[in-house]
Amino acid sequence: MLNKVHSLLVENAPVVLSKPLQMVPFSVKQKIIEQLLQAQFEQSLADGDLDFLENRWLKIEVRDLQLVWYISNVNNKLVVSRSEIADVSFSGNTNDLVLIATQRQDPDTLFFQRKLIVEGDTELGLCVKNLMDSIDLTSMPKVVRLGLENLANFIESSHNKTH
């Protein structure tokens, strides 16, 4: 019984959360995302590792949360926008994106399973994928890292019980 509830929660929580998230003004989401990106990629920006994104737009879509935002490197700062013309887009569902962010799931595997959709400039998409692969989880702000790891554990434990 608890396994079934756990699985249903993992499966349906993003849909339930999507409604309240829609009520949060974009400016609030934008500020939070920009602060997290700056904290995570400060050294990468300084090293020039994100120059490939300079004045180009990466669209991120979390389908089941109905969240979309665009990221670019403008004047060596990561900026988030509500609407741009994307050079490349990555879209997936919450659980899959959490597993990618915590390196529990390989983006290539999810791409070939059609759970991660990549569209647009192939070369830029490969640069973004390589960046995802190179993220050092220990460099994430601790509260974000622990939150993501706990969420990934919860998602994985549901998968392990149902498979």
Protein backbone atom coordinates (compact mmCIF):
# COMPACT_ATOMS: atom_id res chain seq x y z
CA MET A 1 0.00 0.00 0.00
CA LEU A 2 2.75 2.46 0.96
CA ASN A 3 4.69 1.54 -2.19
CA LYS A 4 1.65 2.41 -4.29
CA VAL A 5 1.20 5.76 -2.50
CA HIS A 6 4.91 6.50 -2.92
CA SER A 7 4.75 5.74 -6.65
CA LEU A 8 1.62 7.83 -7.11
CA LEU A 9 3.23 10.73 -5.25
CA VAL A 10 6.38 10.60 -7.40
CA GLU A 11 4.25 10.32 -10.54
CA ASN A 12 1.70 13.03 -9.75
CA ALA A 13 3.45 15.59 -7.53
CA PRO A 14 4.73 17.67 -10.49
CA VAL A 15 1.21 18.02 -11.92
CA VAL A 16 -0.12 19.08 -8.51
CA LEU A 17 2.77 21.55 -8.03
CA SER A 18 2.36 23.06 -11.49
CA LYS A 19 -0.75 25.05 -10.49
CA PRO A 20 0.77 26.90 -7.53
CA LEU A 21 3.98 27.50 -9.52
CA GLN A 22 1.94 29.21 -12.24
CA MET A 23 0.81 31.76 -9.65
CA VAL A 24 4.38 32.79 -8.77
CA PRO A 25 5.30 35.86 -10.82
CA PHE A 26 7.95 35.21 -13.46
CA SER A 27 10.13 37.97 -11.98
CA VAL A 28 10.40 35.97 -8.73
CA LYS A 29 11.23 32.73 -10.56
CA GLN A 30 13.70 34.65 -12.75
CA LYS A 31 15.56 36.10 -9.76
CA ILE A 32 15.80 32.70 -8.03
CA ILE A 33 16.99 30.90 -11.17
CA GLU A 34 19.56 33.61 -11.96
CA GLN A 35 20.96 33.50 -8.41
CA LEU A 36 21.23 29.70 -8.50
CA LEU A 37 22.89 29.78 -11.93
CA GLN A 38 25.38 32.47 -10.86
CA ALA A 39 26.28 30.53 -7.71
CA GLN A 40 26.68 27.26 -9.61
CA PHE A 41 28.55 28.59 -12.63
CA GLU A 42 30.56 31.51 -11.24
CA GLN A 43 33.91 29.77 -11.82
CA SER A 44 32.83 28.40 -15.21
CA LEU A 45 31.93 31.92 -16.32
CA ALA A 46 35.29 33.25 -15.08
CA ASP A 47 37.11 30.43 -16.91
CA GLY A 48 35.22 31.10 -20.16
CA ASP A 49 33.57 27.67 -20.10
CA LEU A 50 30.20 29.24 -20.92
CA ASP A 51 31.35 31.41 -23.82
CA PHE A 52 29.50 29.03 -26.17
CA LEU A 53 26.25 30.46 -24.76
CA GLU A 54 27.25 34.08 -25.33
CA ASN A 55 24.30 35.92 -26.89
CA ARG A 56 22.63 32.59 -27.71
CA TRP A 57 19.51 31.31 -26.01
CA LEU A 58 18.97 27.95 -24.36
CA LYS A 59 15.33 27.13 -23.75
CA ILE A 60 14.58 24.93 -20.74
CA GLU A 61 11.12 23.44 -20.47
CA VAL A 62 9.90 21.37 -17.56
CA ARG A 63 6.84 19.95 -19.28
CA ASP A 64 4.89 18.53 -16.35
CA LEU A 65 5.40 21.70 -14.27
CA GLN A 66 4.51 23.90 -17.26
CA LEU A 67 7.68 25.94 -16.68
CA VAL A 68 9.67 27.50 -19.49
CA TRP A 69 12.61 29.86 -19.33
CA TYR A 70 15.48 30.93 -21.55
CA ILE A 71 19.11 31.24 -20.46
CA SER A 72 21.94 33.14 -22.11
CA ASN A 73 25.40 34.43 -21.28
CA VAL A 74 25.18 38.20 -21.69
CA ASN A 75 28.27 40.23 -20.78
CA ASN A 76 29.67 37.22 -18.91
CA LYS A 77 26.55 36.92 -16.73
CA LEU A 78 23.88 34.25 -16.97
CA VAL A 79 20.52 35.85 -17.58
CA VAL A 80 17.06 34.34 -17.59
CA SER A 81 14.26 35.53 -19.81
CA ARG A 82 10.60 34.66 -20.18
CA SER A 83 10.53 34.57 -23.96
CA GLU A 84 13.26 34.54 -26.60
CA ILE A 85 13.99 32.78 -29.86
CA ALA A 86 15.78 29.63 -28.76
CA ASP A 87 18.96 28.47 -30.45
CA VAL A 88 18.55 25.12 -28.71
CA SER A 89 15.91 23.72 -26.38
CA PHE A 90 15.94 20.99 -23.77
CA SER A 91 12.65 19.68 -22.43
CA GLY A 92 11.74 16.93 -20.04
CA ASN A 93 9.64 16.07 -17.05
CA THR A 94 10.58 17.00 -13.50
CA ASN A 95 11.66 13.58 -12.28
CA ASP A 96 13.92 12.95 -15.28
CA LEU A 97 15.49 16.41 -15.03
CA VAL A 98 16.15 15.93 -11.30
CA LEU A 99 17.88 12.63 -12.06
CA ILE A 100 20.00 14.36 -14.72
CA ALA A 101 20.85 17.25 -12.37
CA THR A 102 22.04 14.81 -9.71
CA GLN A 103 23.90 12.70 -12.29
CA ARG A 104 21.81 9.65 -11.44
CA GLN A 105 20.69 9.42 -15.05
CA ASP A 106 22.70 10.02 -18.19
CA PRO A 107 21.19 12.65 -20.52
CA ASP A 108 22.05 10.48 -23.55
CA THR A 109 20.03 7.58 -22.17
CA LEU A 110 16.99 9.78 -21.58
CA PHE A 111 17.45 11.34 -25.03
CA PHE A 112 17.35 7.94 -26.72
CA GLN A 113 14.33 6.96 -24.59
CA ARG A 114 12.63 10.17 -25.81
CA LYS A 115 12.30 11.44 -22.25
CA LEU A 116 14.71 14.31 -22.86
CA ILE A 117 13.94 16.24 -26.02
CA VAL A 118 16.73 18.33 -27.56
CA GLU A 119 15.87 20.53 -30.52
CA GLY A 120 17.74 23.19 -32.46
CA ASP A 121 21.44 23.81 -32.92
CA THR A 122 23.10 20.41 -32.53
CA GLU A 123 26.55 21.81 -31.74
CA LEU A 124 25.16 24.13 -29.05
CA GLY A 125 23.09 21.27 -27.65
CA LEU A 126 26.23 19.14 -27.37
CA CYS A 127 28.02 21.97 -25.52
CA VAL A 128 25.12 22.20 -23.06
CA LYS A 129 25.08 18.41 -22.59
CA ASN A 130 28.85 18.37 -21.97
CA LEU A 131 28.39 21.16 -19.42
CA MET A 132 25.71 19.10 -17.64
CA ASP A 133 28.05 16.10 -17.58
CA SER A 134 30.85 18.20 -16.06
CA ILE A 135 28.87 19.73 -13.18
CA ASP A 136 30.50 19.05 -9.83
CA LEU A 137 27.65 18.37 -7.43
CA THR A 138 29.79 19.34 -4.45
CA SER A 139 30.09 22.86 -5.86
CA MET A 140 26.32 23.39 -5.70
CA PRO A 141 24.97 25.47 -2.84
CA LYS A 142 24.51 22.92 -0.05
CA VAL A 143 20.79 23.49 0.41
CA VAL A 144 20.18 22.99 -3.34
CA ARG A 145 22.42 19.92 -3.56
CA LEU A 146 20.84 18.25 -0.53
CA GLY A 147 17.35 19.08 -1.73
CA LEU A 148 18.03 17.63 -5.18
CA GLU A 149 19.76 14.55 -3.75
CA ASN A 150 16.86 13.85 -1.37
CA LEU A 151 14.38 14.31 -4.20
CA ALA A 152 16.42 12.01 -6.46
CA ASN A 153 16.54 9.38 -3.70
CA PHE A 154 12.75 9.60 -3.34
CA ILE A 155 12.27 9.27 -7.12
CA GLU A 156 14.72 6.39 -7.43
CA SER A 157 13.25 4.50 -4.49
CA SER A 158 9.85 4.66 -6.20
CA HIS A 159 11.33 3.25 -9.41
CA ASN A 160 13.08 0.48 -7.49
CA LYS A 161 9.85 -0.59 -5.79
CA THR A 162 7.85 -0.72 -9.01
CA HIS A 163 10.45 -2.47 -11.19
